[in-house]
Protein backbone atom coordinates (compact mmCIF):
# COMPACT_ATOMS: atom_id res chain seq x y z
CA UNK A 1 0.00 0.00 0.00
CA UNK A 2 1.19 3.46 -0.63
CA UNK A 3 2.28 5.36 2.43
CA UNK A 4 -0.57 7.83 2.05
CA UNK A 5 -3.24 7.71 4.69
CA UNK A 6 -6.95 7.45 3.94
CA UNK A 7 -8.82 10.15 5.84
CA UNK A 8 -12.40 11.20 6.17
CA UNK A 9 -14.22 13.07 8.87
CA UNK A 10 -12.39 12.05 12.00
CA UNK A 11 -11.02 8.63 11.04
CA UNK A 12 -7.67 7.83 9.41
CA UNK A 13 -6.82 4.48 7.81
CA UNK A 14 -3.08 3.79 8.06
CA UNK A 15 -0.55 0.97 8.40
CA UNK A 16 -0.32 -0.34 11.97
CA UNK A 17 2.59 0.74 14.12
CA UNK A 18 4.14 -1.10 17.06
CA UNK A 19 2.47 1.27 19.52
CA UNK A 20 -0.94 0.19 18.14
CA UNK A 21 -0.55 -3.33 19.57
CA UNK A 22 -2.61 -2.70 22.73
CA UNK A 23 -5.51 -1.24 20.75
CA UNK A 24 -5.42 -4.13 18.29
CA UNK A 25 -5.50 -6.62 21.21
CA UNK A 26 -8.61 -4.85 22.54
CA UNK A 27 -10.32 -4.95 19.15
CA UNK A 28 -9.53 -8.64 18.63
CA UNK A 29 -10.86 -9.35 22.12
CA UNK A 30 -14.27 -7.98 21.10
CA UNK A 31 -14.59 -10.99 18.77
CA UNK A 32 -13.26 -13.39 21.40
CA UNK A 33 -9.68 -13.69 20.11
CA UNK A 34 -7.22 -13.83 22.99
CA UNK A 35 -3.88 -12.37 21.88
CA UNK A 36 -1.06 -10.79 23.83
CA UNK A 37 0.43 -7.41 22.99
CA UNK A 38 3.76 -9.18 22.39
CA UNK A 39 2.23 -11.52 19.78
CA UNK A 40 0.49 -8.62 18.03
CA UNK A 41 3.75 -6.62 18.01
CA UNK A 42 5.45 -9.62 16.35
CA UNK A 43 2.73 -9.68 13.68
CA UNK A 44 3.06 -5.94 13.06
CA UNK A 45 6.86 -6.24 12.73
CA UNK A 46 6.57 -9.22 10.36
CA UNK A 47 3.97 -7.46 8.25
CA UNK A 48 6.08 -4.31 8.03
CA UNK A 49 8.92 -6.33 6.52
CA UNK A 50 6.71 -8.27 4.09
CA UNK A 51 5.49 -6.25 1.08
CA UNK A 52 2.72 -8.81 0.45
CA UNK A 53 1.17 -8.39 3.89
CA UNK A 54 -0.22 -5.32 5.59
CA UNK A 55 -1.97 -4.62 8.86
CA UNK A 56 -4.13 -1.53 8.67
CA UNK A 57 -5.79 0.36 11.49
CA UNK A 58 -8.58 2.90 11.61
CA UNK A 59 -7.80 5.63 14.13
CA UNK A 60 -10.09 8.39 15.38
CA UNK A 61 -8.93 12.00 15.59
CA UNK A 62 -7.90 11.43 19.22
CA UNK A 63 -5.78 8.41 18.20
CA UNK A 64 -8.09 5.68 19.52
CA UNK A 65 -8.23 2.60 17.28
CA UNK A 66 -11.70 1.93 15.91
CA UNK A 67 -10.83 -0.96 13.57
CA UNK A 68 -8.08 -3.14 12.17
CA UNK A 69 -7.55 -5.40 9.16
CA UNK A 70 -4.77 -7.77 8.10
CA UNK A 71 -4.49 -8.81 4.47
CA UNK A 72 -1.93 -11.26 3.08
CA UNK A 73 -1.10 -12.73 -0.29
CA UNK A 74 -1.48 -16.51 -0.29
CA UNK A 75 0.20 -18.76 -2.83
CA UNK A 76 -1.63 -22.05 -3.19
CA UNK A 77 -0.69 -24.78 -5.56
CA UNK A 78 -4.27 -25.53 -6.63
CA UNK A 79 -5.70 -22.01 -6.50
CA UNK A 80 -2.82 -19.73 -7.35
CA UNK A 81 -2.09 -16.34 -5.80
CA UNK A 82 -4.81 -14.30 -4.12
CA UNK A 83 -5.24 -11.78 -1.38
CA UNK A 84 -6.90 -12.93 1.80
CA UNK A 85 -8.29 -10.91 4.65
CA UNK A 86 -6.87 -12.71 7.66
CA UNK A 87 -8.55 -10.44 10.25
CA UNK A 88 -11.06 -7.62 10.20
CA UNK A 89 -12.51 -6.08 13.34
CA UNK A 90 -14.40 -2.84 13.81
CA UNK A 91 -15.09 -1.71 17.36
CA UNK A 92 -18.58 -2.67 18.53
CA UNK A 93 -19.52 0.98 19.09
CA UNK A 94 -18.23 1.97 15.64
CA UNK A 95 -19.95 -0.61 13.43
CA UNK A 96 -22.22 0.66 10.67
CA UNK A 97 -20.20 3.85 10.15
CA UNK A 98 -18.26 2.77 7.05
CA UNK A 99 -14.98 1.99 8.83
CA UNK A 100 -14.96 -1.66 7.75
CA UNK A 101 -15.68 -0.68 4.15
CA UNK A 102 -12.80 1.81 4.22
CA UNK A 103 -10.43 -0.80 5.63
CA UNK A 104 -11.47 -3.28 2.91
CA UNK A 105 -11.00 -0.62 0.22
CA UNK A 106 -7.50 0.18 1.51
CA UNK A 107 -6.67 -3.55 1.39
CA UNK A 108 -7.98 -3.74 -2.19
CA UNK A 109 -5.74 -0.82 -3.18
CA UNK A 110 -2.73 -2.53 -1.58
CA UNK A 111 -3.43 -5.76 -3.49
CA UNK A 112 -4.07 -4.00 -6.79
CA UNK A 113 -0.67 -2.31 -6.48
CA UNK A 114 0.80 -5.82 -6.17
CA UNK A 115 -1.14 -6.96 -9.28
CA UNK A 116 -3.14 -9.49 -7.23
CA UNK A 117 -6.32 -10.48 -9.10
CA UNK A 118 -8.79 -11.29 -6.33
CA UNK A 119 -9.50 -11.14 -2.62
CA UNK A 120 -10.97 -13.79 -0.31
CA UNK A 121 -12.24 -13.66 3.23
CA UNK A 122 -13.24 -16.53 5.47
CA UNK A 123 -15.93 -15.89 8.03
CA UNK A 124 -17.43 -17.96 10.82
CA UNK A 125 -20.84 -19.31 9.82
CA UNK A 126 -22.30 -17.76 13.00
CA UNK A 127 -21.40 -14.19 11.98
CA UNK A 128 -24.38 -13.49 9.76
CA UNK A 129 -24.05 -9.71 10.10
CA UNK A 130 -20.48 -9.99 8.85
CA UNK A 131 -21.68 -12.11 5.91
CA UNK A 132 -24.05 -9.34 4.88
CA UNK A 133 -21.26 -6.77 5.24
CA UNK A 134 -18.94 -8.75 2.94
CA UNK A 135 -21.69 -9.21 0.37
CA UNK A 136 -22.24 -5.43 0.36
CA UNK A 137 -18.50 -5.04 -0.29
CA UNK A 138 -18.78 -7.14 -3.46
CA UNK A 139 -17.76 -10.54 -2.09
CA UNK A 140 -19.82 -13.55 -3.05
CA UNK A 141 -20.11 -16.81 -1.16
CA UNK A 142 -18.16 -19.47 -3.06
CA UNK A 143 -17.57 -22.28 -0.60
CA UNK A 144 -18.63 -23.82 2.68
CA UNK A 145 -16.04 -25.93 4.38
CA UNK A 146 -14.99 -27.56 7.63
CA UNK A 147 -11.80 -26.35 9.27
CA UNK A 148 -9.46 -28.71 11.10
CA UNK A 149 -6.61 -27.57 13.36
CA UNK A 150 -3.76 -29.71 14.58
CA UNK A 151 -1.59 -28.55 17.49
CA UNK A 152 2.06 -29.00 16.60
CA UNK A 153 3.19 -29.03 20.22
CA UNK A 154 0.39 -30.81 22.12
CA UNK A 155 0.20 -30.21 25.83
CA UNK A 156 2.59 -27.27 26.12
CA UNK A 157 -0.18 -24.65 26.20
CA UNK A 158 1.74 -22.30 23.90
CA UNK A 159 -0.68 -22.17 21.00
CA UNK A 160 -2.99 -19.16 20.96
CA UNK A 161 -4.90 -20.97 18.21
CA UNK A 162 -6.18 -23.40 20.83
CA UNK A 163 -7.28 -20.50 23.07
CA UNK A 164 -9.58 -19.00 20.47
CA UNK A 165 -10.56 -22.01 18.37
CA UNK A 166 -14.10 -22.12 19.72
CA UNK A 167 -14.62 -18.39 19.10
CA UNK A 168 -13.95 -18.32 15.31
C-alpha atoms as a PDB file:
ATOM      1  CA  UNK A   1       0.000   0.000   0.000  1.00  0.00           C
ATOM      2  CA  UNK A   2       1.192   3.464  -0.631  1.00  0.00           C
ATOM      3  CA  UNK A   3       2.277   5.363   2.426  1.00  0.00           C
ATOM      4  CA  UNK A   4      -0.575   7.827   2.054  1.00  0.00           C
ATOM      5  CA  UNK A   5      -3.244   7.713   4.695  1.00  0.00           C
ATOM      6  CA  UNK A   6      -6.951   7.449   3.942  1.00  0.00           C
ATOM      7  CA  UNK A   7      -8.822  10.145   5.840  1.00  0.00           C
ATOM      8  CA  UNK A   8     -12.401  11.200   6.168  1.00  0.00           C
ATOM      9  CA  UNK A   9     -14.223  13.069   8.866  1.00  0.00           C
ATOM     10  CA  UNK A  10     -12.391  12.052  11.996  1.00  0.00           C
ATOM     11  CA  UNK A  11     -11.015   8.628  11.037  1.00  0.00           C
ATOM     12  CA  UNK A  12      -7.675   7.829   9.413  1.00  0.00           C
ATOM     13  CA  UNK A  13      -6.817   4.484   7.814  1.00  0.00           C
ATOM     14  CA  UNK A  14      -3.080   3.791   8.056  1.00  0.00           C
ATOM     15  CA  UNK A  15      -0.552   0.971   8.402  1.00  0.00           C
ATOM     16  CA  UNK A  16      -0.320  -0.340  11.968  1.00  0.00           C
ATOM     17  CA  UNK A  17       2.591   0.743  14.119  1.00  0.00           C
ATOM     18  CA  UNK A  18       4.139  -1.099  17.063  1.00  0.00           C
ATOM     19  CA  UNK A  19       2.468   1.273  19.515  1.00  0.00           C
ATOM     20  CA  UNK A  20      -0.941   0.187  18.140  1.00  0.00           C
ATOM     21  CA  UNK A  21      -0.550  -3.328  19.572  1.00  0.00           C
ATOM     22  CA  UNK A  22      -2.612  -2.701  22.726  1.00  0.00           C
ATOM     23  CA  UNK A  23      -5.510  -1.240  20.753  1.00  0.00           C
ATOM     24  CA  UNK A  24      -5.422  -4.134  18.292  1.00  0.00           C
ATOM     25  CA  UNK A  25      -5.502  -6.620  21.207  1.00  0.00           C
ATOM     26  CA  UNK A  26      -8.615  -4.850  22.543  1.00  0.00           C
ATOM     27  CA  UNK A  27     -10.324  -4.952  19.149  1.00  0.00           C
ATOM     28  CA  UNK A  28      -9.529  -8.642  18.634  1.00  0.00           C
ATOM     29  CA  UNK A  29     -10.862  -9.347  22.122  1.00  0.00           C
ATOM     30  CA  UNK A  30     -14.267  -7.981  21.097  1.00  0.00           C
ATOM     31  CA  UNK A  31     -14.593 -10.988  18.773  1.00  0.00           C
ATOM     32  CA  UNK A  32     -13.256 -13.395  21.402  1.00  0.00           C
ATOM     33  CA  UNK A  33      -9.681 -13.685  20.110  1.00  0.00           C
ATOM     34  CA  UNK A  34      -7.224 -13.826  22.987  1.00  0.00           C
ATOM     35  CA  UNK A  35      -3.879 -12.366  21.882  1.00  0.00           C
ATOM     36  CA  UNK A  36      -1.056 -10.791  23.832  1.00  0.00           C
ATOM     37  CA  UNK A  37       0.434  -7.409  22.992  1.00  0.00           C
ATOM     38  CA  UNK A  38       3.758  -9.184  22.388  1.00  0.00           C
ATOM     39  CA  UNK A  39       2.226 -11.521  19.781  1.00  0.00           C
ATOM     40  CA  UNK A  40       0.490  -8.621  18.025  1.00  0.00           C
ATOM     41  CA  UNK A  41       3.747  -6.621  18.010  1.00  0.00           C
ATOM     42  CA  UNK A  42       5.447  -9.623  16.352  1.00  0.00           C
ATOM     43  CA  UNK A  43       2.726  -9.675  13.675  1.00  0.00           C
ATOM     44  CA  UNK A  44       3.061  -5.940  13.064  1.00  0.00           C
ATOM     45  CA  UNK A  45       6.857  -6.244  12.728  1.00  0.00           C
ATOM     46  CA  UNK A  46       6.565  -9.222  10.361  1.00  0.00           C
ATOM     47  CA  UNK A  47       3.967  -7.460   8.253  1.00  0.00           C
ATOM     48  CA  UNK A  48       6.079  -4.313   8.035  1.00  0.00           C
ATOM     49  CA  UNK A  49       8.923  -6.331   6.520  1.00  0.00           C
ATOM     50  CA  UNK A  50       6.705  -8.274   4.085  1.00  0.00           C
ATOM     51  CA  UNK A  51       5.495  -6.254   1.081  1.00  0.00           C
ATOM     52  CA  UNK A  52       2.716  -8.807   0.453  1.00  0.00           C
ATOM     53  CA  UNK A  53       1.167  -8.385   3.889  1.00  0.00           C
ATOM     54  CA  UNK A  54      -0.222  -5.323   5.590  1.00  0.00           C
ATOM     55  CA  UNK A  55      -1.969  -4.623   8.858  1.00  0.00           C
ATOM     56  CA  UNK A  56      -4.133  -1.530   8.669  1.00  0.00           C
ATOM     57  CA  UNK A  57      -5.788   0.358  11.492  1.00  0.00           C
ATOM     58  CA  UNK A  58      -8.576   2.898  11.615  1.00  0.00           C
ATOM     59  CA  UNK A  59      -7.801   5.635  14.132  1.00  0.00           C
ATOM     60  CA  UNK A  60     -10.091   8.388  15.377  1.00  0.00           C
ATOM     61  CA  UNK A  61      -8.934  11.997  15.593  1.00  0.00           C
ATOM     62  CA  UNK A  62      -7.900  11.429  19.217  1.00  0.00           C
ATOM     63  CA  UNK A  63      -5.785   8.413  18.203  1.00  0.00           C
ATOM     64  CA  UNK A  64      -8.093   5.676  19.515  1.00  0.00           C
ATOM     65  CA  UNK A  65      -8.230   2.602  17.281  1.00  0.00           C
ATOM     66  CA  UNK A  66     -11.697   1.927  15.908  1.00  0.00           C
ATOM     67  CA  UNK A  67     -10.833  -0.956  13.567  1.00  0.00           C
ATOM     68  CA  UNK A  68      -8.081  -3.145  12.167  1.00  0.00           C
ATOM     69  CA  UNK A  69      -7.545  -5.397   9.165  1.00  0.00           C
ATOM     70  CA  UNK A  70      -4.773  -7.768   8.095  1.00  0.00           C
ATOM     71  CA  UNK A  71      -4.491  -8.805   4.466  1.00  0.00           C
ATOM     72  CA  UNK A  72      -1.930 -11.263   3.082  1.00  0.00           C
ATOM     73  CA  UNK A  73      -1.098 -12.734  -0.291  1.00  0.00           C
ATOM     74  CA  UNK A  74      -1.478 -16.510  -0.293  1.00  0.00           C
ATOM     75  CA  UNK A  75       0.204 -18.756  -2.827  1.00  0.00           C
ATOM     76  CA  UNK A  76      -1.627 -22.046  -3.193  1.00  0.00           C
ATOM     77  CA  UNK A  77      -0.693 -24.780  -5.562  1.00  0.00           C
ATOM     78  CA  UNK A  78      -4.265 -25.529  -6.627  1.00  0.00           C
ATOM     79  CA  UNK A  79      -5.698 -22.007  -6.498  1.00  0.00           C
ATOM     80  CA  UNK A  80      -2.818 -19.726  -7.354  1.00  0.00           C
ATOM     81  CA  UNK A  81      -2.092 -16.340  -5.805  1.00  0.00           C
ATOM     82  CA  UNK A  82      -4.807 -14.299  -4.122  1.00  0.00           C
ATOM     83  CA  UNK A  83      -5.242 -11.779  -1.382  1.00  0.00           C
ATOM     84  CA  UNK A  84      -6.899 -12.934   1.799  1.00  0.00           C
ATOM     85  CA  UNK A  85      -8.288 -10.913   4.651  1.00  0.00           C
ATOM     86  CA  UNK A  86      -6.867 -12.708   7.664  1.00  0.00           C
ATOM     87  CA  UNK A  87      -8.547 -10.441  10.246  1.00  0.00           C
ATOM     88  CA  UNK A  88     -11.059  -7.623  10.202  1.00  0.00           C
ATOM     89  CA  UNK A  89     -12.512  -6.080  13.341  1.00  0.00           C
ATOM     90  CA  UNK A  90     -14.397  -2.839  13.810  1.00  0.00           C
ATOM     91  CA  UNK A  91     -15.093  -1.709  17.363  1.00  0.00           C
ATOM     92  CA  UNK A  92     -18.577  -2.669  18.526  1.00  0.00           C
ATOM     93  CA  UNK A  93     -19.525   0.977  19.093  1.00  0.00           C
ATOM     94  CA  UNK A  94     -18.227   1.972  15.641  1.00  0.00           C
ATOM     95  CA  UNK A  95     -19.951  -0.606  13.427  1.00  0.00           C
ATOM     96  CA  UNK A  96     -22.224   0.658  10.674  1.00  0.00           C
ATOM     97  CA  UNK A  97     -20.204   3.853  10.152  1.00  0.00           C
ATOM     98  CA  UNK A  98     -18.256   2.772   7.055  1.00  0.00           C
ATOM     99  CA  UNK A  99     -14.984   1.989   8.830  1.00  0.00           C
ATOM    100  CA  UNK A 100     -14.955  -1.662   7.755  1.00  0.00           C
ATOM    101  CA  UNK A 101     -15.684  -0.676   4.154  1.00  0.00           C
ATOM    102  CA  UNK A 102     -12.804   1.813   4.218  1.00  0.00           C
ATOM    103  CA  UNK A 103     -10.434  -0.805   5.633  1.00  0.00           C
ATOM    104  CA  UNK A 104     -11.468  -3.283   2.910  1.00  0.00           C
ATOM    105  CA  UNK A 105     -10.996  -0.620   0.219  1.00  0.00           C
ATOM    106  CA  UNK A 106      -7.495   0.181   1.509  1.00  0.00           C
ATOM    107  CA  UNK A 107      -6.667  -3.555   1.385  1.00  0.00           C
ATOM    108  CA  UNK A 108      -7.981  -3.739  -2.188  1.00  0.00           C
ATOM    109  CA  UNK A 109      -5.744  -0.817  -3.177  1.00  0.00           C
ATOM    110  CA  UNK A 110      -2.731  -2.535  -1.584  1.00  0.00           C
ATOM    111  CA  UNK A 111      -3.428  -5.759  -3.488  1.00  0.00           C
ATOM    112  CA  UNK A 112      -4.068  -3.996  -6.792  1.00  0.00           C
ATOM    113  CA  UNK A 113      -0.674  -2.308  -6.485  1.00  0.00           C
ATOM    114  CA  UNK A 114       0.803  -5.824  -6.172  1.00  0.00           C
ATOM    115  CA  UNK A 115      -1.141  -6.963  -9.280  1.00  0.00           C
ATOM    116  CA  UNK A 116      -3.142  -9.492  -7.233  1.00  0.00           C
ATOM    117  CA  UNK A 117      -6.316 -10.479  -9.101  1.00  0.00           C
ATOM    118  CA  UNK A 118      -8.790 -11.288  -6.335  1.00  0.00           C
ATOM    119  CA  UNK A 119      -9.499 -11.145  -2.617  1.00  0.00           C
ATOM    120  CA  UNK A 120     -10.966 -13.790  -0.310  1.00  0.00           C
ATOM    121  CA  UNK A 121     -12.241 -13.660   3.230  1.00  0.00           C
ATOM    122  CA  UNK A 122     -13.242 -16.534   5.465  1.00  0.00           C
ATOM    123  CA  UNK A 123     -15.933 -15.886   8.029  1.00  0.00           C
ATOM    124  CA  UNK A 124     -17.428 -17.960  10.821  1.00  0.00           C
ATOM    125  CA  UNK A 125     -20.844 -19.307   9.816  1.00  0.00           C
ATOM    126  CA  UNK A 126     -22.301 -17.756  13.005  1.00  0.00           C
ATOM    127  CA  UNK A 127     -21.403 -14.189  11.982  1.00  0.00           C
ATOM    128  CA  UNK A 128     -24.381 -13.494   9.761  1.00  0.00           C
ATOM    129  CA  UNK A 129     -24.053  -9.712  10.102  1.00  0.00           C
ATOM    130  CA  UNK A 130     -20.478  -9.994   8.848  1.00  0.00           C
ATOM    131  CA  UNK A 131     -21.678 -12.114   5.911  1.00  0.00           C
ATOM    132  CA  UNK A 132     -24.054  -9.338   4.876  1.00  0.00           C
ATOM    133  CA  UNK A 133     -21.259  -6.767   5.238  1.00  0.00           C
ATOM    134  CA  UNK A 134     -18.943  -8.745   2.942  1.00  0.00           C
ATOM    135  CA  UNK A 135     -21.693  -9.210   0.367  1.00  0.00           C
ATOM    136  CA  UNK A 136     -22.245  -5.428   0.362  1.00  0.00           C
ATOM    137  CA  UNK A 137     -18.499  -5.043  -0.288  1.00  0.00           C
ATOM    138  CA  UNK A 138     -18.778  -7.143  -3.464  1.00  0.00           C
ATOM    139  CA  UNK A 139     -17.757 -10.538  -2.093  1.00  0.00           C
ATOM    140  CA  UNK A 140     -19.819 -13.554  -3.048  1.00  0.00           C
ATOM    141  CA  UNK A 141     -20.111 -16.810  -1.163  1.00  0.00           C
ATOM    142  CA  UNK A 142     -18.164 -19.469  -3.059  1.00  0.00           C
ATOM    143  CA  UNK A 143     -17.567 -22.280  -0.600  1.00  0.00           C
ATOM    144  CA  UNK A 144     -18.635 -23.822   2.681  1.00  0.00           C
ATOM    145  CA  UNK A 145     -16.041 -25.931   4.384  1.00  0.00           C
ATOM    146  CA  UNK A 146     -14.993 -27.561   7.629  1.00  0.00           C
ATOM    147  CA  UNK A 147     -11.796 -26.348   9.272  1.00  0.00           C
ATOM    148  CA  UNK A 148      -9.463 -28.713  11.097  1.00  0.00           C
ATOM    149  CA  UNK A 149      -6.607 -27.565  13.356  1.00  0.00           C
ATOM    150  CA  UNK A 150      -3.757 -29.711  14.585  1.00  0.00           C
ATOM    151  CA  UNK A 151      -1.591 -28.548  17.487  1.00  0.00           C
ATOM    152  CA  UNK A 152       2.058 -29.004  16.600  1.00  0.00           C
ATOM    153  CA  UNK A 153       3.192 -29.033  20.219  1.00  0.00           C
ATOM    154  CA  UNK A 154       0.386 -30.811  22.119  1.00  0.00           C
ATOM    155  CA  UNK A 155       0.197 -30.215  25.827  1.00  0.00           C
ATOM    156  CA  UNK A 156       2.586 -27.270  26.117  1.00  0.00           C
ATOM    157  CA  UNK A 157      -0.175 -24.647  26.198  1.00  0.00           C
ATOM    158  CA  UNK A 158       1.735 -22.301  23.901  1.00  0.00           C
ATOM    159  CA  UNK A 159      -0.680 -22.170  20.995  1.00  0.00           C
ATOM    160  CA  UNK A 160      -2.991 -19.159  20.960  1.00  0.00           C
ATOM    161  CA  UNK A 161      -4.898 -20.967  18.209  1.00  0.00           C
ATOM    162  CA  UNK A 162      -6.182 -23.401  20.831  1.00  0.00           C
ATOM    163  CA  UNK A 163      -7.282 -20.503  23.070  1.00  0.00           C
ATOM    164  CA  UNK A 164      -9.583 -18.997  20.466  1.00  0.00           C
ATOM    165  CA  UNK A 165     -10.557 -22.015  18.368  1.00  0.00           C
ATOM    166  CA  UNK A 166     -14.098 -22.121  19.723  1.00  0.00           C
ATOM    167  CA  UNK A 167     -14.621 -18.391  19.099  1.00  0.00           C
ATOM    168  CA  UNK A 168     -13.950 -18.323  15.313  1.00  0.00           C
END
